[in-house]
Amino acid sequence: MYESVGIRAQGLGGAFTAVADDATATWWNPAGVAAGPYFDVVAEYSKPDATNNSRQAFAMAFPALGLSYYRLPLSEMQTFLPPGSAVSGRQDQGYLSQFGATVGQSIGHVVLASTVKVLNANSETHADLDLGALVTLGHLRAGVSLRNLHETSFAANPVAFELKRQARVGVSWTATPGKVVLTAAGDADLTSVATLIGDQQHIAGGLEAWLFKKIIGVRGGLARDTKRSLDSHSGGLSVMALSGQYLKTYLDAQWTGGSDVLRRGWGAELRVTF
């Protein structure tokens, strides 16, 4: 799922395609790397309630370049097992690793970008491509993201699976009433994604507020899986831990609950921005 990565994104309920202003834009919307700060790096850890496995991510982004590594448990993904077969212990401990390089180009108010990624799982290695676009008009942003353009398949043991093409759109509105930076965002999947509990397709909305000259950030969001009528609610907090003249370090955290079992869990990250 898109929501597998990004502590701020998960705290917003998954409404991040048009926000995408930190290094996890390399996952959510490659065009966000050109619309973010001069330099941003994140290291994150998250623990979903549905499995015994964790997710890890490391990403850095400049205005025209992003580099990323994501490590996701195979146990969350729908598999091509024969009828009656049990999920093996090897699959439950298996991971999908993604290494990516993101490049973007601004054309007036529009940013176009792509992520070339190398994927490794089941002792197989394949290449694939993600695409993204972002339009900024004053306070308004609109974004679209397309993942897994070539629909990579992994056929080896212990389990076979395929990364289907995914498309998502989002809008966001940012305003600065007083000394508060306020962002409202909404996202919608245009395609479904195969997961451990079946196909899912999400719509999401979230609200983020930065207070005290961006020393503290609070956010929350709601999401619904329209395929299975499952809901989730999320909350998040950011605290500036260190601050120099230009360089700032944040600790970000999120928690997600609700009936959507694959969305439930918590995560935290260290984020450095310039």
Protein backbone atom coordinates (compact mmCIF):
# COMPACT_ATOMS: atom_id res chain seq x y z
CA MET A 1 0.00 0.00 0.00
CA TYR A 2 1.01 3.63 -0.37
CA GLU A 3 0.40 3.87 3.38
CA SER A 4 3.17 1.39 4.16
CA VAL A 5 5.75 4.22 4.26
CA GLY A 6 5.94 7.74 5.68
CA ILE A 7 5.37 8.68 9.31
CA ARG A 8 3.91 12.10 8.51
CA ALA A 9 1.88 10.58 5.66
CA GLN A 10 0.41 7.90 7.93
CA GLY A 11 -0.36 10.49 10.62
CA LEU A 12 -2.38 12.37 7.98
CA GLY A 13 -4.41 9.24 7.32
CA GLY A 14 -2.62 8.70 4.01
CA ALA A 15 -3.55 12.07 2.47
CA PHE A 16 -0.03 12.89 1.26
CA THR A 17 0.16 12.68 -2.55
CA ALA A 18 -0.16 16.47 -2.96
CA VAL A 19 1.67 17.32 0.31
CA ALA A 20 4.80 15.16 -0.33
CA ASP A 21 7.28 17.74 0.97
CA ASP A 22 9.83 15.53 2.76
CA ALA A 23 12.16 12.76 1.59
CA THR A 24 9.36 10.16 1.58
CA ALA A 25 8.14 11.88 -1.58
CA THR A 26 10.45 9.32 -3.21
CA TRP A 27 7.74 6.79 -2.28
CA TRP A 28 4.53 8.85 -2.31
CA ASN A 29 5.00 11.18 -5.26
CA PRO A 30 8.42 11.57 -6.94
CA ALA A 31 7.54 15.13 -7.99
CA GLY A 32 7.59 16.20 -4.35
CA VAL A 33 11.40 16.15 -4.24
CA ALA A 34 11.47 19.28 -6.41
CA ALA A 35 8.89 21.06 -4.26
CA GLY A 36 10.42 20.36 -0.85
CA PRO A 37 13.31 21.91 1.12
CA TYR A 38 16.88 22.25 -0.13
CA PHE A 39 17.84 19.06 1.74
CA ASP A 40 15.77 16.51 3.66
CA VAL A 41 16.68 13.10 5.07
CA VAL A 42 14.52 10.63 7.03
CA ALA A 43 15.18 7.35 8.84
CA GLU A 44 12.01 5.60 9.99
CA TYR A 45 10.77 2.48 11.73
CA SER A 46 7.17 1.32 11.91
CA LYS A 47 5.40 -1.70 13.39
CA PRO A 48 2.06 -2.83 11.96
CA ASP A 49 -0.23 -4.73 14.32
CA ALA A 50 -1.19 -7.29 11.67
CA THR A 51 2.20 -9.03 11.40
CA ASN A 52 5.26 -9.81 13.51
CA ASN A 53 7.46 -7.90 11.07
CA SER A 54 8.49 -4.25 10.97
CA ARG A 55 9.04 -1.76 8.16
CA GLN A 56 12.19 0.33 7.73
CA ALA A 57 12.94 3.26 5.46
CA PHE A 58 15.79 5.62 4.71
CA ALA A 59 15.50 8.42 2.16
CA MET A 60 17.16 11.69 1.27
CA ALA A 61 16.02 14.35 -1.15
CA PHE A 62 17.35 17.46 -2.85
CA PRO A 63 15.28 19.66 -5.20
CA ALA A 64 16.31 17.61 -8.26
CA LEU A 65 17.43 14.27 -6.80
CA GLY A 66 16.22 11.70 -4.29
CA LEU A 67 17.79 8.47 -3.02
CA SER A 68 15.83 5.91 -1.04
CA TYR A 69 15.76 2.45 0.53
CA TYR A 70 12.57 0.77 1.75
CA ARG A 71 12.27 -2.65 3.42
CA LEU A 72 8.74 -4.09 3.64
CA PRO A 73 7.51 -7.47 4.94
CA LEU A 74 6.20 -9.92 2.36
CA SER A 75 3.65 -11.16 4.88
CA GLU A 76 1.49 -8.06 4.19
CA MET A 77 1.22 -8.84 0.46
CA GLN A 78 -1.30 -11.08 -1.26
CA THR A 79 0.36 -14.21 -2.58
CA PHE A 80 -0.17 -16.69 -5.42
CA LEU A 81 -0.37 -19.83 -3.29
CA PRO A 82 -2.19 -22.96 -4.50
CA PRO A 83 -5.64 -23.49 -2.91
CA GLY A 84 -5.31 -24.97 0.56
CA SER A 85 -1.64 -24.07 0.91
CA ALA A 86 -0.39 -22.50 4.12
CA VAL A 87 1.85 -19.45 4.29
CA SER A 88 5.34 -20.71 5.03
CA GLY A 89 7.52 -19.53 7.87
CA ARG A 90 10.08 -18.36 5.33
CA GLN A 91 7.49 -16.06 3.74
CA ASP A 92 6.48 -14.67 7.12
CA GLN A 93 10.09 -13.64 7.68
CA GLY A 94 10.71 -12.48 4.11
CA TYR A 95 11.14 -8.90 2.97
CA LEU A 96 10.89 -6.85 -0.20
CA SER A 97 13.80 -4.39 -0.50
CA GLN A 98 13.52 -1.35 -2.78
CA PHE A 99 16.43 0.89 -3.78
CA GLY A 100 15.40 4.01 -5.70
CA ALA A 101 16.83 7.05 -7.46
CA THR A 102 14.43 9.94 -8.10
CA VAL A 103 14.88 12.81 -10.53
CA GLY A 104 12.50 15.71 -11.18
CA GLN A 105 12.11 18.70 -13.45
CA SER A 106 10.13 21.91 -12.84
CA ILE A 107 8.24 23.48 -15.72
CA GLY A 108 6.61 26.65 -14.42
CA HIS A 109 4.01 25.62 -11.85
CA VAL A 110 4.33 21.93 -12.79
CA VAL A 111 6.86 19.36 -11.56
CA LEU A 112 7.34 16.05 -13.38
CA ALA A 113 9.49 13.31 -11.83
CA SER A 114 10.28 9.61 -11.87
CA THR A 115 11.85 7.04 -9.57
CA VAL A 116 13.93 4.25 -11.08
CA LYS A 117 13.93 1.43 -8.54
CA VAL A 118 15.65 -1.90 -8.05
CA LEU A 119 13.54 -4.49 -6.21
CA ASN A 120 14.82 -7.59 -4.43
CA ALA A 121 12.81 -10.44 -2.90
CA ASN A 122 12.93 -14.24 -2.94
CA SER A 123 16.55 -14.00 -4.16
CA GLU A 124 15.29 -12.27 -7.33
CA THR A 125 16.20 -8.76 -8.48
CA HIS A 126 14.13 -6.68 -10.92
CA ALA A 127 13.86 -3.05 -12.03
CA ASP A 128 10.71 -0.93 -12.21
CA LEU A 129 9.59 2.68 -12.50
CA ASP A 130 7.36 5.14 -10.60
CA LEU A 131 6.06 8.42 -12.05
CA GLY A 132 4.68 11.55 -10.41
CA ALA A 133 3.39 15.04 -11.16
CA LEU A 134 2.67 18.01 -8.91
CA VAL A 135 0.95 21.30 -9.76
CA THR A 136 1.20 24.30 -7.42
CA LEU A 137 -1.13 27.30 -7.78
CA GLY A 138 -0.82 29.65 -4.83
CA HIS A 139 -2.04 27.85 -1.70
CA LEU A 140 -3.35 24.90 -3.72
CA ARG A 141 -1.46 21.77 -4.74
CA ALA A 142 -2.65 18.84 -6.85
CA GLY A 143 -0.67 15.66 -7.36
CA VAL A 144 -0.85 12.32 -9.14
CA SER A 145 1.38 9.29 -8.65
CA LEU A 146 1.80 6.07 -10.63
CA ARG A 147 3.71 3.18 -9.06
CA ASN A 148 5.04 -0.13 -10.44
CA LEU A 149 4.73 0.88 -14.09
CA HIS A 150 6.08 -2.47 -15.34
CA GLU A 151 4.16 -4.62 -12.79
CA THR A 152 7.12 -6.65 -11.56
CA SER A 153 6.53 -10.33 -10.77
CA PHE A 154 8.49 -12.53 -8.36
CA ALA A 155 8.04 -16.18 -9.25
CA ALA A 156 10.61 -17.98 -7.08
CA ASN A 157 10.06 -19.92 -3.85
CA PRO A 158 9.00 -19.69 -1.08
CA VAL A 159 6.13 -17.58 -2.44
CA ALA A 160 5.21 -15.87 -5.72
CA PHE A 161 3.66 -12.42 -5.91
CA GLU A 162 3.22 -9.49 -8.28
CA LEU A 163 3.44 -5.75 -7.69
CA LYS A 164 0.44 -4.46 -9.63
CA ARG A 165 0.32 -0.97 -11.10
CA GLN A 166 -1.07 1.60 -8.63
CA ALA A 167 -2.38 5.12 -9.26
CA ARG A 168 -3.34 7.76 -6.70
CA VAL A 169 -4.41 11.41 -6.80
CA GLY A 170 -4.42 14.07 -4.11
CA VAL A 171 -5.10 17.74 -3.40
CA SER A 172 -3.93 19.96 -0.55
CA TRP A 173 -4.48 23.53 0.63
CA THR A 174 -1.98 25.37 2.84
CA ALA A 175 -2.67 28.63 4.66
CA THR A 176 -0.92 30.64 7.38
CA PRO A 177 -3.51 32.15 9.71
CA GLY A 178 -1.50 34.08 12.32
CA LYS A 179 1.65 32.14 13.18
CA VAL A 180 0.15 28.73 12.36
CA VAL A 181 0.91 26.83 9.13
CA LEU A 182 -2.22 24.84 8.37
CA THR A 183 -2.58 22.17 5.66
CA ALA A 184 -5.71 20.26 4.67
CA ALA A 185 -5.33 17.35 2.25
CA GLY A 186 -7.31 14.61 0.54
CA ASP A 187 -6.26 11.49 -1.40
CA ALA A 188 -7.97 8.78 -3.44
CA ASP A 189 -6.66 5.54 -4.95
CA LEU A 190 -7.57 5.16 -8.62
CA THR A 191 -6.67 1.47 -8.54
CA SER A 192 -6.93 -1.31 -5.98
CA VAL A 193 -3.96 -3.04 -4.39
CA ALA A 194 -3.65 -6.71 -3.40
CA THR A 195 -2.97 -7.19 0.32
CA LEU A 196 -2.94 -9.96 2.89
CA ILE A 197 -6.70 -9.49 3.54
CA GLY A 198 -7.68 -9.00 -0.12
CA ASP A 199 -7.94 -6.08 -2.53
CA GLN A 200 -8.07 -2.62 -0.94
CA GLN A 201 -8.74 0.87 -2.33
CA HIS A 202 -8.49 3.91 -0.06
CA ILE A 203 -9.82 7.42 0.19
CA ALA A 204 -8.32 9.65 2.89
CA GLY A 205 -8.42 13.12 4.39
CA GLY A 206 -6.09 14.78 6.86
CA LEU A 207 -5.23 18.02 8.62
CA GLU A 208 -1.77 19.20 9.77
CA ALA A 209 -0.86 22.25 11.86
CA TRP A 210 2.62 23.60 12.58
CA LEU A 211 2.85 25.78 15.71
CA PHE A 212 5.38 28.05 17.43
CA LYS A 213 7.47 28.81 14.32
CA LYS A 214 7.30 25.15 13.26
CA ILE A 215 8.69 23.84 16.54
CA ILE A 216 5.70 21.51 17.01
CA GLY A 217 3.52 19.84 14.40
CA VAL A 218 0.25 18.00 15.05
CA ARG A 219 -1.79 16.06 12.50
CA GLY A 220 -4.69 13.70 12.16
CA GLY A 221 -6.56 11.86 9.46
CA LEU A 222 -9.35 9.50 8.50
CA ALA A 223 -9.36 6.87 5.75
CA ARG A 224 -11.74 4.29 4.33
CA ASP A 225 -11.13 1.16 2.30
CA THR A 226 -13.97 1.34 -0.23
CA LYS A 227 -13.52 -2.29 -1.30
CA ARG A 228 -14.08 -3.84 2.12
CA SER A 229 -15.79 -0.98 4.04
CA LEU A 230 -12.98 -0.76 6.59
CA ASP A 231 -12.07 2.47 8.38
CA SER A 232 -8.94 3.83 10.04
CA HIS A 233 -8.08 6.91 12.06
CA SER A 234 -4.60 8.32 12.57
CA GLY A 235 -2.77 10.88 14.65
CA GLY A 236 0.76 12.22 14.60
CA LEU A 237 3.16 14.55 16.38
CA SER A 238 6.41 16.26 15.34
CA VAL A 239 8.80 17.95 17.72
CA MET A 240 11.87 19.96 16.75
CA ALA A 241 14.70 18.31 18.70
CA LEU A 242 17.61 20.42 17.47
CA SER A 243 17.77 23.70 15.59
CA GLY A 244 20.69 25.54 14.01
CA GLN A 245 20.72 28.61 11.84
CA TYR A 246 19.48 26.59 8.85
CA LEU A 247 19.52 22.90 9.83
CA LYS A 248 16.59 21.50 11.83
CA THR A 249 16.10 18.03 13.33
CA TYR A 250 12.63 16.62 14.04
CA LEU A 251 11.29 13.58 15.83
CA ASP A 252 8.06 12.42 14.14
CA ALA A 253 5.65 9.79 15.44
CA GLN A 254 2.29 8.37 14.35
CA TRP A 255 -0.36 5.93 15.55
CA THR A 256 -3.18 4.40 13.51
CA GLY A 257 -6.23 2.51 14.74
CA GLY A 258 -9.60 1.37 13.39
CA SER A 259 -11.16 -1.65 11.70
CA ASP A 260 -8.67 -1.72 8.79
CA VAL A 261 -6.29 -4.27 10.31
CA LEU A 262 -3.40 -3.62 7.90
CA ARG A 263 -3.41 0.09 8.74
CA ARG A 264 -3.25 -0.35 12.52
CA GLY A 265 0.12 0.21 14.16
CA TRP A 266 2.66 2.84 15.10
CA GLY A 267 5.86 4.34 13.76
CA ALA A 268 8.57 6.90 14.43
CA GLU A 269 11.28 8.64 12.44
CA LEU A 270 14.22 10.99 12.72
CA ARG A 271 14.08 13.74 10.10
CA VAL A 272 16.75 16.32 9.30
CA THR A 273 15.88 19.22 7.01
CA PHE A 274 17.71 22.24 5.64
